[in-house]
Amino acid sequence: MEIKVDFDLCQGHAVCMGEAPEVFEVDDKGFLTILQDQPPEDLRAKVEQAVKYCPTGAISLQD
């Protein structure tokens, strides 16, 4: 599983960080950092929730 982010779409809402704080971090200025671009399988459910609830659709997964 690999995380892809379209940083042109990302607006720093931090929904992803709320769903998977082990994988995503959004700073006070709204800049997203991917902490694990290939997270372990045990985080799949959290990452899928982050993808699903991203308000701008900026996050995707590739297997």
C-alpha atoms as a PDB file:
ATOM      1  CA  MET A   1       0.000   0.000   0.000  1.00  0.00           C
ATOM      2  CA  GLU A   2       1.391   3.377  -1.029  1.00  0.00           C
ATOM      3  CA  ILE A   3      -0.139   6.758  -0.279  1.00  0.00           C
ATOM      4  CA  LYS A   4      -0.337   9.386  -2.986  1.00  0.00           C
ATOM      5  CA  VAL A   5      -1.292  12.995  -2.299  1.00  0.00           C
ATOM      6  CA  ASP A   6      -2.157  15.646  -4.844  1.00  0.00           C
ATOM      7  CA  PHE A   7      -0.705  18.636  -3.023  1.00  0.00           C
ATOM      8  CA  ASP A   8      -2.416  20.979  -5.499  1.00  0.00           C
ATOM      9  CA  LEU A   9      -5.774  19.751  -4.153  1.00  0.00           C
ATOM     10  CA  CYS A  10      -4.810  19.516  -0.478  1.00  0.00           C
ATOM     11  CA  GLN A  11      -6.141  22.446   1.558  1.00  0.00           C
ATOM     12  CA  GLY A  12      -4.841  21.371   4.964  1.00  0.00           C
ATOM     13  CA  HIS A  13      -8.181  20.527   6.578  1.00  0.00           C
ATOM     14  CA  ALA A  14      -6.388  17.853   8.682  1.00  0.00           C
ATOM     15  CA  VAL A  15      -9.179  15.299   8.372  1.00  0.00           C
ATOM     16  CA  CYS A  16      -6.534  12.758   7.351  1.00  0.00           C
ATOM     17  CA  MET A  17      -4.545  13.481  10.497  1.00  0.00           C
ATOM     18  CA  GLY A  18      -7.682  12.953  12.568  1.00  0.00           C
ATOM     19  CA  GLU A  19      -8.248   9.561  10.962  1.00  0.00           C
ATOM     20  CA  ALA A  20      -4.615   8.341  10.837  1.00  0.00           C
ATOM     21  CA  PRO A  21      -2.272  10.461  12.979  1.00  0.00           C
ATOM     22  CA  GLU A  22       0.444   7.812  12.628  1.00  0.00           C
ATOM     23  CA  VAL A  23       0.552   8.508   8.890  1.00  0.00           C
ATOM     24  CA  PHE A  24      -0.429  12.153   8.352  1.00  0.00           C
ATOM     25  CA  GLU A  25       0.543  15.389  10.049  1.00  0.00           C
ATOM     26  CA  VAL A  26      -0.787  18.850   9.240  1.00  0.00           C
ATOM     27  CA  ASP A  27       1.046  21.782  10.802  1.00  0.00           C
ATOM     28  CA  ASP A  28      -0.395  25.058  12.084  1.00  0.00           C
ATOM     29  CA  LYS A  29      -0.061  26.594   8.621  1.00  0.00           C
ATOM     30  CA  GLY A  30      -2.034  23.789   6.968  1.00  0.00           C
ATOM     31  CA  PHE A  31       0.905  22.022   5.333  1.00  0.00           C
ATOM     32  CA  LEU A  32       0.562  18.237   5.098  1.00  0.00           C
ATOM     33  CA  THR A  33       3.462  15.912   5.815  1.00  0.00           C
ATOM     34  CA  ILE A  34       3.184  12.204   5.093  1.00  0.00           C
ATOM     35  CA  LEU A  35       4.906  10.460   7.979  1.00  0.00           C
ATOM     36  CA  GLN A  36       4.722   7.011   6.349  1.00  0.00           C
ATOM     37  CA  ASP A  37       4.201   6.908   2.584  1.00  0.00           C
ATOM     38  CA  GLN A  38       4.098   3.087   2.722  1.00  0.00           C
ATOM     39  CA  PRO A  39       2.384   2.362   6.037  1.00  0.00           C
ATOM     40  CA  PRO A  40       2.049  -1.181   7.383  1.00  0.00           C
ATOM     41  CA  GLU A  41      -1.059  -3.217   6.604  1.00  0.00           C
ATOM     42  CA  ASP A  42      -2.347  -2.869  10.155  1.00  0.00           C
ATOM     43  CA  LEU A  43      -2.985   0.831   9.421  1.00  0.00           C
ATOM     44  CA  ARG A  44      -4.942   0.161   6.218  1.00  0.00           C
ATOM     45  CA  ALA A  45      -8.376   0.757   7.751  1.00  0.00           C
ATOM     46  CA  LYS A  46      -7.307   4.135   9.167  1.00  0.00           C
ATOM     47  CA  VAL A  47      -5.686   5.197   5.900  1.00  0.00           C
ATOM     48  CA  GLU A  48      -8.767   4.150   3.918  1.00  0.00           C
ATOM     49  CA  GLN A  49     -10.885   6.322   6.229  1.00  0.00           C
ATOM     50  CA  ALA A  50      -8.513   9.244   5.632  1.00  0.00           C
ATOM     51  CA  VAL A  51      -8.873   8.759   1.865  1.00  0.00           C
ATOM     52  CA  LYS A  52     -12.658   8.452   2.114  1.00  0.00           C
ATOM     53  CA  TYR A  53     -13.163  11.553   4.240  1.00  0.00           C
ATOM     54  CA  CYS A  54     -10.622  13.891   2.629  1.00  0.00           C
ATOM     55  CA  PRO A  55     -12.806  16.891   1.729  1.00  0.00           C
ATOM     56  CA  THR A  56     -10.902  17.651  -1.477  1.00  0.00           C
ATOM     57  CA  GLY A  57     -10.162  14.073  -2.619  1.00  0.00           C
ATOM     58  CA  ALA A  58      -6.426  14.796  -2.511  1.00  0.00           C
ATOM     59  CA  ILE A  59      -5.400  11.412  -1.061  1.00  0.00           C
ATOM     60  CA  SER A  60      -5.365   8.074  -2.853  1.00  0.00           C
ATOM     61  CA  LEU A  61      -3.978   4.588  -2.250  1.00  0.00           C
ATOM     62  CA  GLN A  62      -2.111   2.321  -4.588  1.00  0.00           C
ATOM     63  CA  ASP A  63      -1.532  -1.347  -3.866  1.00  0.00           C
END
